[in-house]
């Protein structure tokens, strides 16, 4: 437990500072609300009315989100592999090459289908 004490102390200090900052900002900040401040802000453009269900999003938003998740998962697997690369040897290298090849095939498929182009 002694090895984790500095990490726990640092996490506690960070959480304490975050909570303190939010509480102090809400207590000491100005409270002058008006209609303009309560409206949704869309980069200086007047907000357009939305249908009751929120409207439909193009499929490209979901494709972009899935691409982000795929590459995020790739990074999650690449980091521990890089740390233990020496211990894994040739087996680890071949497995990671197969994994990266699989991700690259998914990337090439999305690229070929036009998922990376914004109209």
N, C-alpha and C. Protein backbone atom coordinates (compact mmCIF):
# COMPACT_ATOMS: atom_id res chain seq x y z
N UNK A 1 0.83 -1.20 0.00
CA UNK A 1 0.00 0.00 0.00
C UNK A 1 0.87 1.25 0.00
N UNK A 2 2.09 1.16 0.57
CA UNK A 2 2.96 2.34 0.60
C UNK A 2 3.35 2.82 -0.79
N UNK A 3 3.43 1.90 -1.75
CA UNK A 3 3.81 2.29 -3.11
C UNK A 3 2.71 3.12 -3.77
N UNK A 4 1.45 2.89 -3.39
CA UNK A 4 0.34 3.61 -3.99
C UNK A 4 -0.04 4.88 -3.24
N UNK A 5 0.53 5.13 -2.09
CA UNK A 5 0.17 6.30 -1.29
C UNK A 5 0.38 7.62 -2.03
N UNK A 6 1.52 7.85 -2.69
CA UNK A 6 1.67 9.12 -3.42
C UNK A 6 0.64 9.30 -4.53
N UNK A 7 0.28 8.21 -5.20
CA UNK A 7 -0.72 8.32 -6.28
C UNK A 7 -2.08 8.67 -5.70
N UNK A 8 -2.43 8.03 -4.57
CA UNK A 8 -3.71 8.33 -3.92
C UNK A 8 -3.74 9.76 -3.40
N UNK A 9 -2.63 10.22 -2.83
CA UNK A 9 -2.56 11.61 -2.33
C UNK A 9 -2.71 12.59 -3.49
N UNK A 10 -2.03 12.34 -4.60
CA UNK A 10 -2.12 13.22 -5.76
C UNK A 10 -3.54 13.22 -6.33
N UNK A 11 -4.17 12.05 -6.40
CA UNK A 11 -5.55 11.98 -6.87
C UNK A 11 -6.49 12.73 -5.95
N UNK A 12 -6.29 12.58 -4.64
CA UNK A 12 -7.12 13.29 -3.68
C UNK A 12 -6.94 14.80 -3.78
N UNK A 13 -5.69 15.24 -3.95
CA UNK A 13 -5.45 16.68 -4.12
C UNK A 13 -6.10 17.20 -5.39
N UNK A 14 -6.00 16.45 -6.48
CA UNK A 14 -6.62 16.88 -7.74
C UNK A 14 -8.13 16.96 -7.61
N UNK A 15 -8.75 15.94 -7.02
CA UNK A 15 -10.20 15.94 -6.84
C UNK A 15 -10.62 17.07 -5.90
N UNK A 16 -9.87 17.28 -4.84
CA UNK A 16 -10.19 18.37 -3.91
C UNK A 16 -10.10 19.72 -4.58
N UNK A 17 -9.07 19.94 -5.39
CA UNK A 17 -8.93 21.21 -6.09
C UNK A 17 -10.08 21.42 -7.08
N UNK A 18 -10.47 20.35 -7.78
CA UNK A 18 -11.56 20.47 -8.75
C UNK A 18 -12.87 20.82 -8.05
N UNK A 19 -13.16 20.13 -6.95
CA UNK A 19 -14.39 20.41 -6.21
C UNK A 19 -14.36 21.81 -5.63
N UNK A 20 -13.23 22.20 -5.05
CA UNK A 20 -13.09 23.55 -4.49
C UNK A 20 -13.31 24.61 -5.57
N UNK A 21 -12.74 24.42 -6.75
CA UNK A 21 -12.87 25.41 -7.82
C UNK A 21 -14.31 25.56 -8.28
N UNK A 22 -15.01 24.44 -8.43
CA UNK A 22 -16.41 24.50 -8.88
C UNK A 22 -17.29 25.18 -7.82
N UNK A 23 -17.10 24.82 -6.57
CA UNK A 23 -17.91 25.40 -5.50
C UNK A 23 -17.64 26.90 -5.37
N UNK A 24 -16.38 27.30 -5.38
CA UNK A 24 -16.04 28.72 -5.24
C UNK A 24 -16.54 29.53 -6.43
N UNK A 25 -16.47 28.98 -7.63
CA UNK A 25 -16.97 29.70 -8.80
C UNK A 25 -18.47 29.90 -8.72
N UNK A 26 -19.19 28.90 -8.23
CA UNK A 26 -20.64 29.05 -8.13
C UNK A 26 -21.03 30.01 -7.01
N UNK A 27 -20.22 30.11 -5.96
CA UNK A 27 -20.54 31.02 -4.85
C UNK A 27 -20.16 32.47 -5.15
N UNK A 28 -19.03 32.67 -5.80
CA UNK A 28 -18.53 34.03 -6.01
C UNK A 28 -18.81 34.60 -7.38
N UNK A 29 -19.24 33.79 -8.33
CA UNK A 29 -19.47 34.27 -9.70
C UNK A 29 -20.70 35.15 -9.80
N UNK A 30 -20.78 35.95 -10.88
CA UNK A 30 -21.96 36.80 -11.07
C UNK A 30 -23.19 35.96 -11.39
N UNK A 31 -24.33 36.46 -10.96
CA UNK A 31 -25.58 35.74 -11.17
C UNK A 31 -26.58 36.62 -11.90
N UNK A 32 -26.15 37.22 -13.00
CA UNK A 32 -27.03 38.07 -13.80
C UNK A 32 -27.48 37.29 -15.03
N UNK A 33 -28.59 36.62 -14.92
CA UNK A 33 -29.09 35.82 -16.04
C UNK A 33 -30.06 36.66 -16.86
N UNK A 34 -30.01 36.52 -18.15
CA UNK A 34 -30.98 37.14 -19.03
C UNK A 34 -31.30 36.15 -20.15
N UNK A 35 -32.21 36.53 -21.02
CA UNK A 35 -32.67 35.63 -22.08
C UNK A 35 -31.53 35.23 -23.00
N UNK A 36 -30.65 36.15 -23.33
CA UNK A 36 -29.56 35.87 -24.25
C UNK A 36 -28.58 34.86 -23.66
N UNK A 37 -28.32 34.94 -22.37
CA UNK A 37 -27.39 34.01 -21.74
C UNK A 37 -27.98 32.61 -21.61
N UNK A 38 -29.28 32.50 -21.50
CA UNK A 38 -29.91 31.21 -21.33
C UNK A 38 -30.21 30.51 -22.65
N UNK A 39 -30.11 31.24 -23.78
CA UNK A 39 -30.33 30.62 -25.09
C UNK A 39 -29.15 29.76 -25.49
N UNK A 40 -29.42 28.80 -26.35
CA UNK A 40 -28.34 27.96 -26.89
C UNK A 40 -27.47 28.82 -27.80
N UNK A 41 -26.17 28.60 -27.74
CA UNK A 41 -25.23 29.37 -28.55
C UNK A 41 -24.69 28.50 -29.67
N UNK A 42 -24.82 28.97 -30.90
CA UNK A 42 -24.35 28.21 -32.05
C UNK A 42 -23.41 29.07 -32.88
N UNK A 43 -22.28 29.44 -32.33
CA UNK A 43 -21.24 30.18 -33.05
C UNK A 43 -21.74 31.48 -33.66
N UNK A 44 -22.58 32.19 -32.97
CA UNK A 44 -23.06 33.47 -33.46
C UNK A 44 -24.24 33.37 -34.40
N UNK A 45 -24.66 32.18 -34.76
CA UNK A 45 -25.79 32.00 -35.66
C UNK A 45 -27.04 31.80 -34.80
N UNK A 46 -28.13 32.38 -35.23
CA UNK A 46 -29.38 32.20 -34.50
C UNK A 46 -29.75 30.72 -34.47
N UNK A 47 -30.11 30.19 -33.32
CA UNK A 47 -30.47 28.77 -33.23
C UNK A 47 -31.68 28.46 -34.10
N UNK A 48 -31.62 27.34 -34.78
CA UNK A 48 -32.75 26.91 -35.61
C UNK A 48 -33.63 25.98 -34.79
N UNK A 49 -34.93 26.08 -34.97
CA UNK A 49 -35.81 25.19 -34.20
C UNK A 49 -35.61 23.73 -34.61
N UNK A 50 -35.66 22.85 -33.64
CA UNK A 50 -35.47 21.42 -33.87
C UNK A 50 -36.79 20.69 -33.68
N UNK A 51 -36.99 19.58 -34.38
CA UNK A 51 -38.20 18.79 -34.15
C UNK A 51 -38.23 18.24 -32.73
N UNK A 52 -39.39 17.76 -32.32
CA UNK A 52 -39.57 17.29 -30.94
C UNK A 52 -38.61 16.15 -30.58
N UNK A 53 -38.33 15.25 -31.50
CA UNK A 53 -37.44 14.12 -31.23
C UNK A 53 -35.97 14.47 -31.34
N UNK A 54 -35.64 15.69 -31.69
CA UNK A 54 -34.25 16.10 -31.82
C UNK A 54 -33.73 16.02 -33.25
N UNK A 55 -34.51 15.48 -34.16
CA UNK A 55 -34.08 15.41 -35.55
C UNK A 55 -33.22 14.18 -35.81
N UNK A 56 -32.86 14.00 -37.07
CA UNK A 56 -32.05 12.84 -37.47
C UNK A 56 -30.64 13.31 -37.77
N UNK A 57 -29.68 12.50 -37.39
CA UNK A 57 -28.28 12.77 -37.68
C UNK A 57 -27.85 11.94 -38.87
N UNK A 58 -27.00 12.50 -39.72
CA UNK A 58 -26.48 11.71 -40.84
C UNK A 58 -25.64 10.53 -40.32
N UNK A 59 -25.57 9.49 -41.11
CA UNK A 59 -24.85 8.28 -40.72
C UNK A 59 -23.36 8.55 -40.57
N UNK A 60 -22.84 9.58 -41.22
CA UNK A 60 -21.40 9.88 -41.15
C UNK A 60 -20.98 10.23 -39.72
N UNK A 61 -21.88 10.80 -38.92
CA UNK A 61 -21.54 11.07 -37.52
C UNK A 61 -21.25 9.76 -36.78
N UNK A 62 -22.06 8.77 -37.03
CA UNK A 62 -21.89 7.50 -36.35
C UNK A 62 -20.65 6.76 -36.87
N UNK A 63 -20.39 6.88 -38.17
CA UNK A 63 -19.17 6.26 -38.72
C UNK A 63 -17.93 6.89 -38.12
N UNK A 64 -17.95 8.21 -37.97
CA UNK A 64 -16.81 8.89 -37.37
C UNK A 64 -16.64 8.45 -35.92
N UNK A 65 -17.72 8.31 -35.20
CA UNK A 65 -17.64 7.86 -33.80
C UNK A 65 -17.08 6.45 -33.72
N UNK A 66 -17.53 5.57 -34.62
CA UNK A 66 -17.02 4.20 -34.60
C UNK A 66 -15.54 4.15 -34.98
N UNK A 67 -15.12 4.99 -35.92
CA UNK A 67 -13.70 5.06 -36.27
C UNK A 67 -12.87 5.51 -35.08
N UNK A 68 -13.37 6.51 -34.38
CA UNK A 68 -12.67 6.99 -33.20
C UNK A 68 -12.51 5.87 -32.18
N UNK A 69 -13.57 5.11 -31.97
CA UNK A 69 -13.51 4.02 -30.99
C UNK A 69 -12.52 2.95 -31.43
N UNK A 70 -12.52 2.62 -32.73
CA UNK A 70 -11.59 1.61 -33.23
C UNK A 70 -10.14 2.04 -32.99
N UNK A 71 -9.81 3.30 -33.32
CA UNK A 71 -8.44 3.74 -33.15
C UNK A 71 -8.10 3.98 -31.67
N UNK A 72 -9.08 4.32 -30.88
CA UNK A 72 -8.86 4.46 -29.45
C UNK A 72 -8.54 3.09 -28.83
N UNK A 73 -9.25 2.08 -29.24
CA UNK A 73 -8.99 0.73 -28.75
C UNK A 73 -7.61 0.26 -29.22
N UNK A 74 -7.24 0.64 -30.43
CA UNK A 74 -5.91 0.27 -30.92
C UNK A 74 -4.82 0.85 -30.02
N UNK A 75 -4.97 2.10 -29.63
CA UNK A 75 -3.97 2.73 -28.76
C UNK A 75 -3.96 2.05 -27.40
N UNK A 76 -5.13 1.66 -26.90
CA UNK A 76 -5.20 0.98 -25.61
C UNK A 76 -4.42 -0.34 -25.64
N UNK A 77 -4.42 -1.02 -26.77
CA UNK A 77 -3.68 -2.27 -26.90
C UNK A 77 -2.21 -2.04 -27.24
N UNK A 78 -1.90 -0.96 -27.96
CA UNK A 78 -0.52 -0.72 -28.36
C UNK A 78 0.37 -0.31 -27.19
N UNK A 79 -0.16 0.45 -26.25
CA UNK A 79 0.68 0.94 -25.16
C UNK A 79 1.21 -0.19 -24.28
N UNK A 80 0.35 -1.10 -23.77
CA UNK A 80 0.91 -2.19 -22.95
C UNK A 80 1.83 -3.11 -23.76
N UNK A 81 1.53 -3.28 -25.04
CA UNK A 81 2.39 -4.10 -25.89
C UNK A 81 3.78 -3.47 -26.00
N UNK A 82 3.83 -2.15 -26.15
CA UNK A 82 5.12 -1.48 -26.26
C UNK A 82 5.91 -1.59 -24.96
N UNK A 83 5.22 -1.59 -23.84
CA UNK A 83 5.89 -1.68 -22.54
C UNK A 83 6.50 -3.07 -22.35
N UNK A 84 5.81 -4.12 -22.79
CA UNK A 84 6.29 -5.49 -22.58
C UNK A 84 6.83 -6.12 -23.86
N UNK A 85 7.27 -5.31 -24.79
CA UNK A 85 7.72 -5.81 -26.09
C UNK A 85 8.86 -6.82 -25.96
N UNK A 86 9.84 -6.53 -25.11
CA UNK A 86 10.99 -7.43 -24.95
C UNK A 86 10.58 -8.80 -24.42
N UNK A 87 9.64 -8.82 -23.50
CA UNK A 87 9.23 -10.10 -22.91
C UNK A 87 8.39 -10.94 -23.87
N UNK A 88 7.69 -10.31 -24.81
CA UNK A 88 6.82 -11.05 -25.72
C UNK A 88 7.57 -11.71 -26.86
N UNK A 89 8.64 -11.10 -27.29
CA UNK A 89 9.45 -11.68 -28.35
C UNK A 89 8.77 -11.66 -29.70
N UNK A 90 9.10 -12.63 -30.52
CA UNK A 90 8.59 -12.72 -31.89
C UNK A 90 7.08 -12.95 -31.91
N UNK A 91 6.57 -13.72 -30.96
CA UNK A 91 5.13 -13.97 -30.89
C UNK A 91 4.35 -12.66 -30.74
N UNK A 92 4.82 -11.81 -29.83
CA UNK A 92 4.16 -10.52 -29.61
C UNK A 92 4.21 -9.64 -30.85
N UNK A 93 5.34 -9.67 -31.56
CA UNK A 93 5.48 -8.87 -32.77
C UNK A 93 4.50 -9.32 -33.85
N UNK A 94 4.40 -10.63 -34.05
CA UNK A 94 3.49 -11.16 -35.07
C UNK A 94 2.04 -10.85 -34.71
N UNK A 95 1.68 -11.03 -33.45
CA UNK A 95 0.31 -10.76 -33.03
C UNK A 95 -0.04 -9.29 -33.21
N UNK A 96 0.88 -8.40 -32.87
CA UNK A 96 0.59 -6.97 -33.02
C UNK A 96 0.52 -6.59 -34.50
N UNK A 97 1.35 -7.19 -35.33
CA UNK A 97 1.27 -6.91 -36.76
C UNK A 97 -0.08 -7.36 -37.33
N UNK A 98 -0.58 -8.51 -36.89
CA UNK A 98 -1.90 -8.95 -37.32
C UNK A 98 -2.99 -8.01 -36.83
N UNK A 99 -2.86 -7.54 -35.60
CA UNK A 99 -3.84 -6.60 -35.05
C UNK A 99 -3.84 -5.29 -35.82
N UNK A 100 -2.66 -4.73 -36.07
CA UNK A 100 -2.56 -3.47 -36.81
C UNK A 100 -3.05 -3.65 -38.25
N UNK A 101 -2.76 -4.80 -38.85
CA UNK A 101 -3.25 -5.08 -40.20
C UNK A 101 -4.77 -5.12 -40.23
N UNK A 102 -5.38 -5.71 -39.20
CA UNK A 102 -6.84 -5.75 -39.12
C UNK A 102 -7.42 -4.34 -39.01
N UNK A 103 -6.82 -3.52 -38.18
CA UNK A 103 -7.28 -2.13 -38.04
C UNK A 103 -7.07 -1.37 -39.34
N UNK A 104 -5.96 -1.62 -40.03
CA UNK A 104 -5.70 -0.94 -41.28
C UNK A 104 -6.73 -1.35 -42.35
N UNK A 105 -7.14 -2.61 -42.36
CA UNK A 105 -8.16 -3.06 -43.30
C UNK A 105 -9.47 -2.32 -43.04
N UNK A 106 -9.84 -2.16 -41.78
CA UNK A 106 -11.05 -1.40 -41.44
C UNK A 106 -10.92 0.05 -41.88
N UNK A 107 -9.77 0.64 -41.68
CA UNK A 107 -9.53 2.03 -42.09
C UNK A 107 -9.63 2.15 -43.62
N UNK A 108 -9.01 1.24 -44.34
CA UNK A 108 -9.05 1.27 -45.81
C UNK A 108 -10.48 1.10 -46.31
N UNK A 109 -11.26 0.25 -45.66
CA UNK A 109 -12.65 0.04 -46.06
C UNK A 109 -13.45 1.33 -45.90
N UNK A 110 -13.30 1.98 -44.76
CA UNK A 110 -14.04 3.21 -44.53
C UNK A 110 -13.58 4.30 -45.49
N UNK A 111 -12.29 4.38 -45.74
CA UNK A 111 -11.75 5.36 -46.67
C UNK A 111 -12.30 5.12 -48.07
N UNK A 112 -12.32 3.86 -48.50
CA UNK A 112 -12.80 3.50 -49.84
C UNK A 112 -14.29 3.80 -49.99
N UNK A 113 -15.05 3.61 -48.94
CA UNK A 113 -16.50 3.85 -48.99
C UNK A 113 -16.86 5.32 -48.85
N UNK A 114 -15.87 6.20 -48.61
CA UNK A 114 -16.14 7.63 -48.51
C UNK A 114 -16.53 8.09 -47.12
N UNK A 115 -16.24 7.29 -46.12
CA UNK A 115 -16.61 7.66 -44.76
C UNK A 115 -15.78 8.79 -44.18
N UNK A 116 -14.66 9.13 -44.82
CA UNK A 116 -13.80 10.19 -44.31
C UNK A 116 -14.02 11.51 -45.04
N UNK A 117 -14.92 11.54 -46.00
CA UNK A 117 -15.20 12.76 -46.77
C UNK A 117 -16.44 13.44 -46.21
N UNK A 118 -16.34 14.76 -45.99
CA UNK A 118 -17.46 15.53 -45.49
C UNK A 118 -18.04 16.33 -46.65
N UNK A 119 -19.34 16.22 -46.83
CA UNK A 119 -20.01 16.94 -47.92
C UNK A 119 -20.57 18.24 -47.44
